[in-house]
Amino acid sequence: MKSGGEGALPEWKAHFAEFAPGLELRWWDDPALDPEAVDFALVWDPEPGRLARFPRLRAIFGSGAGVDLITADPGLPRHVPLVRCVPPEATQRMGEFVCWAVLSLSRDARRMAIAQARATWDYFEAPFAAAERTVGIMGLGAMGQRAAEMLRGLGVPVIGWSRTPKELPGIETFAGAAGRDAFLARSEVLVCLLPATPETQGILAAPLLARLPRGAGLVQVGRGAQQVLPDIIAALDEGQLSGAVIDVFEPEPLPPESLAWTHPRIIVTPHVGSLPNRRERARYVADCIARVTRGEALPNLYDPARGY
């Protein structure tokens, strides 16, 4: 899905020709492909066991920032470096998306979208100004840090939480289990930018949501497996949450029968929070391949110990 399938191959070839002219690019199921000749793989959700068929792999590149669909493969060659796709454009796009989501909650954009679909002139005053509510960013990696910087540029108060302590200029941070409740108690809009790990699976559920200030907003741009959607909907219906922007789901695509599609307090987006375009990803991967060729360290390597 994230790579575009076979139909996108001509575009990928054109972009790689720009940044790595000597690179031969082949489609996954090309019958003439010799597995012994494959040095690198660019994938999103490979069939289990497929990557293990390439014995000479020097690196595997995820097509997005998350690689949990790749690491789920029991046959994944664990000795091969796995690189997450986090070019500079990805962090900028995520910052833009988070700012848009926070502003959408502050202006009740979902209510306006419903009114437009009904051709109804529904005049109302915005429930609050964005600068009046503290945004708590849960997950302070490159994307979380960029989102925090951009929100502060809009005059929005920001705090942050991470698994291990981090210091960010102008942002109060909390860390670990000991600091999470204090962080949640002050997060009037919670932004989830956590990686997909066993520890974060199902974290956005009733117990955590109950620790937020009543009427808090939620922006979920982590991974779909982190949320218990019925608990989020219940919190919205009960007023514990006032609105949510959800970009990730489990499963994806979101099934047509899901209540999230029509819920009056949920904005659904199709996992588009930070995905760079193909040209940007081709440039990033081409740079990484050049690093491998020169024997240099690779950026954004997947760390099995951390789970991301």
Protein backbone atom coordinates (compact mmCIF):
# COMPACT_ATOMS: atom_id res chain seq x y z
CA MET A 1 0.00 0.00 0.00
CA LYS A 2 2.65 2.53 1.02
CA SER A 3 4.90 1.68 -1.94
CA GLY A 4 2.17 1.88 -4.58
CA GLY A 5 2.36 -1.62 -5.99
CA GLU A 6 3.66 -2.64 -9.41
CA GLY A 7 1.87 0.26 -11.08
CA ALA A 8 4.14 2.72 -9.26
CA LEU A 9 7.35 1.06 -10.47
CA PRO A 10 7.95 3.47 -13.40
CA GLU A 11 7.73 6.42 -11.02
CA TRP A 12 10.10 4.77 -8.54
CA LYS A 13 12.55 4.05 -11.38
CA ALA A 14 12.47 7.67 -12.53
CA HIS A 15 13.20 8.95 -9.02
CA PHE A 16 16.00 6.48 -8.34
CA ALA A 17 17.52 7.29 -11.74
CA GLU A 18 17.81 10.87 -10.53
CA PHE A 19 19.55 10.06 -7.25
CA ALA A 20 21.30 6.74 -7.97
CA PRO A 21 21.76 6.44 -11.77
CA GLY A 22 23.66 3.15 -11.59
CA LEU A 23 21.04 1.37 -9.48
CA GLU A 24 18.96 -1.37 -11.11
CA LEU A 25 15.42 -1.39 -9.75
CA ARG A 26 13.25 -4.49 -10.12
CA TRP A 27 9.70 -5.39 -9.11
CA TRP A 28 9.23 -7.85 -6.27
CA ASP A 29 7.49 -10.50 -8.44
CA ASP A 30 9.56 -10.07 -11.61
CA PRO A 31 9.91 -13.67 -12.91
CA ALA A 32 13.37 -12.84 -14.25
CA LEU A 33 14.60 -11.64 -10.87
CA ASP A 34 17.55 -13.61 -9.53
CA PRO A 35 17.30 -13.71 -5.70
CA GLU A 36 21.08 -14.09 -5.52
CA ALA A 37 21.52 -10.71 -7.21
CA VAL A 38 19.39 -8.65 -4.79
CA ASP A 39 21.39 -6.39 -2.46
CA PHE A 40 18.64 -4.13 -1.07
CA ALA A 41 14.87 -4.35 -0.52
CA LEU A 42 12.34 -1.52 -0.16
CA VAL A 43 9.12 -2.84 1.39
CA TRP A 44 6.08 -1.92 3.46
CA ASP A 45 4.14 -5.09 4.27
CA PRO A 46 6.06 -8.03 2.75
CA GLU A 47 4.60 -11.52 2.64
CA PRO A 48 6.06 -13.64 5.45
CA GLY A 49 9.19 -15.42 4.33
CA ARG A 50 9.76 -13.37 1.17
CA LEU A 51 12.74 -11.38 2.43
CA ALA A 52 14.46 -14.57 3.56
CA ARG A 53 14.65 -15.66 -0.09
CA PHE A 54 17.30 -13.04 -0.81
CA PRO A 55 20.53 -14.41 0.71
CA ARG A 56 22.73 -11.43 -0.24
CA LEU A 57 20.67 -8.64 1.29
CA ARG A 58 22.84 -5.84 2.67
CA ALA A 59 19.96 -3.69 4.00
CA ILE A 60 16.17 -3.62 4.16
CA PHE A 61 14.39 -0.28 3.88
CA GLY A 62 10.92 0.28 5.28
CA SER A 63 8.70 2.41 3.08
CA GLY A 64 7.47 4.32 6.13
CA ALA A 65 8.67 5.36 9.57
CA GLY A 66 7.08 2.33 11.22
CA VAL A 67 8.49 -1.13 10.48
CA ASP A 68 6.23 -3.29 12.64
CA LEU A 69 4.68 -4.94 9.56
CA ILE A 70 8.17 -5.98 8.51
CA THR A 71 9.37 -7.19 11.90
CA ALA A 72 6.17 -9.25 12.25
CA ASP A 73 7.61 -11.64 9.65
CA PRO A 74 8.88 -14.69 11.59
CA GLY A 75 11.30 -15.39 8.75
CA LEU A 76 12.81 -11.91 8.67
CA PRO A 77 16.61 -12.15 8.30
CA ARG A 78 17.44 -10.50 11.63
CA HIS A 79 21.13 -10.06 10.79
CA VAL A 80 20.31 -7.62 7.95
CA PRO A 81 20.11 -3.92 8.96
CA LEU A 82 16.53 -2.63 8.86
CA VAL A 83 16.22 1.10 8.18
CA ARG A 84 13.14 3.16 9.03
CA CYS A 85 12.20 5.75 6.42
CA VAL A 86 12.50 9.05 8.28
CA PRO A 87 13.77 11.68 5.85
CA PRO A 88 13.62 15.33 6.94
CA GLU A 89 10.41 15.77 4.97
CA ALA A 90 8.68 13.14 7.14
CA THR A 91 9.21 15.06 10.36
CA GLN A 92 8.05 18.30 8.73
CA ARG A 93 4.91 16.65 7.37
CA MET A 94 4.11 15.14 10.75
CA GLY A 95 4.56 18.51 12.43
CA GLU A 96 2.18 20.06 9.92
CA PHE A 97 -0.37 17.29 10.43
CA VAL A 98 -0.28 17.55 14.22
CA CYS A 99 -0.70 21.34 14.05
CA TRP A 100 -3.64 20.93 11.66
CA ALA A 101 -5.22 18.32 13.94
CA VAL A 102 -4.84 20.43 17.09
CA LEU A 103 -6.28 23.48 15.32
CA SER A 104 -9.12 21.37 13.90
CA LEU A 105 -10.07 20.28 17.41
CA SER A 106 -9.90 23.86 18.67
CA ARG A 107 -12.26 25.05 15.91
CA ASP A 108 -14.51 21.95 15.98
CA ALA A 109 -13.80 21.22 12.33
CA ARG A 110 -15.81 18.00 12.47
CA ARG A 111 -18.97 19.94 13.31
CA MET A 112 -18.37 22.25 10.35
CA ALA A 113 -17.77 19.31 8.00
CA ILE A 114 -21.05 17.70 9.07
CA ALA A 115 -22.90 20.98 8.56
CA GLN A 116 -21.41 21.41 5.08
CA ALA A 117 -22.39 17.85 4.10
CA ARG A 118 -25.96 18.70 5.14
CA ALA A 119 -25.88 22.15 3.51
CA THR A 120 -26.68 23.62 6.92
CA TRP A 121 -25.52 27.07 8.08
CA ASP A 122 -24.52 26.05 11.60
CA TYR A 123 -23.08 29.21 13.16
CA PHE A 124 -21.29 28.68 16.47
CA GLU A 125 -18.43 30.11 18.46
CA ALA A 126 -15.21 28.09 18.64
CA PRO A 127 -15.17 26.14 21.93
CA PHE A 128 -11.66 27.30 22.83
CA ALA A 129 -8.55 28.88 21.38
CA ALA A 130 -5.65 26.54 20.66
CA ALA A 131 -3.31 28.68 22.76
CA GLU A 132 -5.57 28.18 25.79
CA ARG A 133 -5.01 24.42 26.05
CA THR A 134 -1.84 22.53 26.83
CA VAL A 135 -0.88 19.91 24.27
CA GLY A 136 0.86 16.84 25.64
CA ILE A 137 2.98 14.96 23.13
CA MET A 138 3.47 11.33 24.07
CA GLY A 139 6.58 10.19 22.20
CA LEU A 140 9.50 12.57 21.73
CA GLY A 141 11.39 11.10 18.82
CA ALA A 142 12.26 13.17 15.76
CA MET A 143 8.60 13.58 14.80
CA GLY A 144 7.42 14.40 18.29
CA GLN A 145 10.14 16.99 18.70
CA ARG A 146 9.32 18.66 15.38
CA ALA A 147 5.61 18.72 16.21
CA ALA A 148 6.40 20.32 19.58
CA GLU A 149 8.53 23.01 17.94
CA MET A 150 5.85 23.87 15.39
CA LEU A 151 3.05 23.98 17.96
CA ARG A 152 5.11 26.32 20.12
CA GLY A 153 5.58 28.50 17.05
CA LEU A 154 1.79 28.84 16.95
CA GLY A 155 1.74 29.94 20.57
CA VAL A 156 0.41 26.62 21.86
CA PRO A 157 1.68 25.44 25.29
CA VAL A 158 3.42 22.06 24.91
CA ILE A 159 4.64 19.40 27.33
CA GLY A 160 6.12 16.03 26.45
CA TRP A 161 6.49 12.47 27.69
CA SER A 162 8.96 9.79 26.64
CA ARG A 163 10.06 6.38 27.83
CA THR A 164 13.46 7.73 28.87
CA PRO A 165 14.31 11.29 29.99
CA LYS A 166 14.80 13.92 27.30
CA GLU A 167 15.55 17.62 27.44
CA LEU A 168 13.97 19.93 24.87
CA PRO A 169 14.43 23.72 24.85
CA GLY A 170 11.36 25.49 26.22
CA ILE A 171 9.36 22.29 26.77
CA GLU A 172 8.68 20.65 30.12
CA THR A 173 9.21 16.93 29.81
CA PHE A 174 8.21 13.86 31.79
CA ALA A 175 9.62 10.35 31.54
CA GLY A 176 8.84 6.75 32.38
CA ALA A 177 6.03 5.23 34.35
CA ALA A 178 6.73 7.55 37.27
CA GLY A 179 6.06 10.67 35.23
CA ARG A 180 3.20 9.54 33.02
CA ASP A 181 0.23 10.30 35.29
CA ALA A 182 1.43 13.85 35.98
CA PHE A 183 1.91 14.34 32.24
CA LEU A 184 -1.56 13.02 31.39
CA ALA A 185 -3.23 15.16 34.07
CA ARG A 186 -2.00 18.29 32.27
CA SER A 187 -2.59 17.14 28.67
CA GLU A 188 -5.72 18.97 27.54
CA VAL A 189 -4.99 17.70 24.05
CA LEU A 190 -3.08 14.41 23.93
CA VAL A 191 -0.99 13.65 20.85
CA CYS A 192 0.15 10.03 20.56
CA LEU A 193 3.37 9.67 18.58
CA LEU A 194 4.61 6.51 20.23
CA PRO A 195 6.32 3.73 18.24
CA ALA A 196 4.71 0.31 17.92
CA THR A 197 6.12 -1.91 20.66
CA PRO A 198 4.62 -4.59 22.91
CA GLU A 199 4.51 -1.98 25.70
CA THR A 200 2.47 0.49 23.65
CA GLN A 201 -0.06 -1.99 22.29
CA GLY A 202 -3.54 -1.04 23.51
CA ILE A 203 -2.22 1.89 25.54
CA LEU A 204 -4.97 4.29 24.40
CA ALA A 205 -7.70 2.62 26.40
CA ALA A 206 -10.11 3.56 29.17
CA PRO A 207 -7.55 3.56 32.05
CA LEU A 208 -5.28 6.06 30.30
CA LEU A 209 -8.10 8.19 28.89
CA ALA A 210 -9.56 8.55 32.40
CA ARG A 211 -6.34 10.23 33.55
CA LEU A 212 -6.74 13.10 31.06
CA PRO A 213 -8.56 16.30 32.03
CA ARG A 214 -12.28 15.98 31.34
CA GLY A 215 -13.12 17.19 27.85
CA ALA A 216 -9.60 16.60 26.50
CA GLY A 217 -8.88 16.20 22.81
CA LEU A 218 -7.02 13.27 21.24
CA VAL A 219 -4.75 13.19 18.20
CA GLN A 220 -3.68 9.62 17.37
CA VAL A 221 -0.86 9.41 14.82
CA GLY A 222 1.06 6.49 16.31
CA ARG A 223 -0.10 3.02 15.26
CA GLY A 224 -3.55 1.48 15.10
CA ALA A 225 -2.71 -1.35 17.50
CA GLN A 226 -2.09 1.23 20.24
CA GLN A 227 -5.75 2.18 20.53
CA VAL A 228 -8.85 0.47 21.82
CA LEU A 229 -11.34 2.17 19.54
CA PRO A 230 -14.49 1.21 21.53
CA ASP A 231 -12.91 2.84 24.61
CA ILE A 232 -12.18 6.03 22.66
CA ILE A 233 -15.75 6.15 21.34
CA ALA A 234 -17.13 5.55 24.85
CA ALA A 235 -14.95 8.38 26.22
CA LEU A 236 -16.27 10.69 23.49
CA ASP A 237 -19.90 9.72 24.17
CA GLU A 238 -19.43 10.25 27.92
CA GLY A 239 -17.70 13.62 27.54
CA GLN A 240 -14.34 12.50 28.90
CA LEU A 241 -13.01 13.32 25.42
CA SER A 242 -14.38 16.26 23.44
CA GLY A 243 -13.02 15.26 20.06
CA ALA A 244 -10.49 13.06 18.29
CA VAL A 245 -8.43 13.06 15.12
CA ILE A 246 -7.43 9.47 14.32
CA ASP A 247 -5.02 8.73 11.47
CA VAL A 248 -4.17 5.08 12.21
CA PHE A 249 -6.35 2.03 12.68
CA GLU A 250 -6.25 -1.71 13.20
CA PRO A 251 -7.04 -3.10 10.69
CA GLU A 252 -6.36 -0.79 7.76
CA PRO A 253 -8.19 0.20 5.68
CA LEU A 254 -10.80 1.02 8.30
CA PRO A 255 -13.83 -1.25 7.64
CA PRO A 256 -16.93 0.53 6.26
CA GLU A 257 -19.02 -0.62 9.23
CA SER A 258 -16.76 1.07 11.80
CA LEU A 259 -18.56 3.60 14.00
CA ALA A 260 -15.58 5.93 13.64
CA TRP A 261 -16.67 6.92 10.11
CA THR A 262 -19.88 8.56 11.23
CA HIS A 263 -19.13 9.57 14.81
CA PRO A 264 -19.81 13.30 15.20
CA ARG A 265 -16.70 13.84 17.34
CA ILE A 266 -14.13 11.89 15.27
CA ILE A 267 -12.14 13.09 12.25
CA VAL A 268 -10.88 10.05 10.33
CA THR A 269 -7.81 10.33 8.10
CA PRO A 270 -6.33 7.42 6.07
CA HIS A 271 -2.86 7.03 7.64
CA VAL A 272 -1.39 10.04 5.85
CA GLY A 273 0.13 11.91 8.80
CA SER A 274 3.74 11.99 7.73
CA LEU A 275 4.32 9.92 4.60
CA PRO A 276 6.88 11.63 2.33
CA ASN A 277 6.27 11.44 -1.41
CA ARG A 278 8.08 8.84 -3.51
CA ARG A 279 10.75 11.23 -4.72
CA GLU A 280 11.66 12.15 -1.15
CA ARG A 281 11.78 8.50 -0.11
CA ALA A 282 13.86 7.56 -3.16
CA ARG A 283 16.40 10.26 -2.30
CA TYR A 284 16.58 9.02 1.29
CA VAL A 285 17.03 5.36 0.29
CA ALA A 286 19.57 6.25 -2.40
CA ASP A 287 21.59 8.14 0.21
CA CYS A 288 21.43 5.16 2.57
CA ILE A 289 22.59 2.79 -0.19
CA ALA A 290 25.52 5.09 -0.87
CA ARG A 291 26.37 4.99 2.85
CA VAL A 292 26.35 1.19 2.81
CA THR A 293 28.63 1.20 -0.24
CA ARG A 294 31.06 3.53 1.53
CA GLY A 295 30.94 1.48 4.72
CA GLU A 296 29.32 4.28 6.73
CA ALA A 297 26.76 4.01 9.52
CA LEU A 298 23.08 4.02 8.57
CA PRO A 299 20.52 6.42 10.09
CA ASN A 300 17.29 5.40 11.80
CA LEU A 301 18.23 1.75 12.26
CA TYR A 302 15.62 -0.48 13.84
CA ASP A 303 16.74 -1.51 17.33
CA PRO A 304 15.22 -4.85 18.43
CA ALA A 305 15.96 -4.03 22.07
CA ARG A 306 13.81 -0.89 21.94
CA GLY A 307 11.28 -2.28 19.50
CA TYR A 308 11.62 0.63 17.03
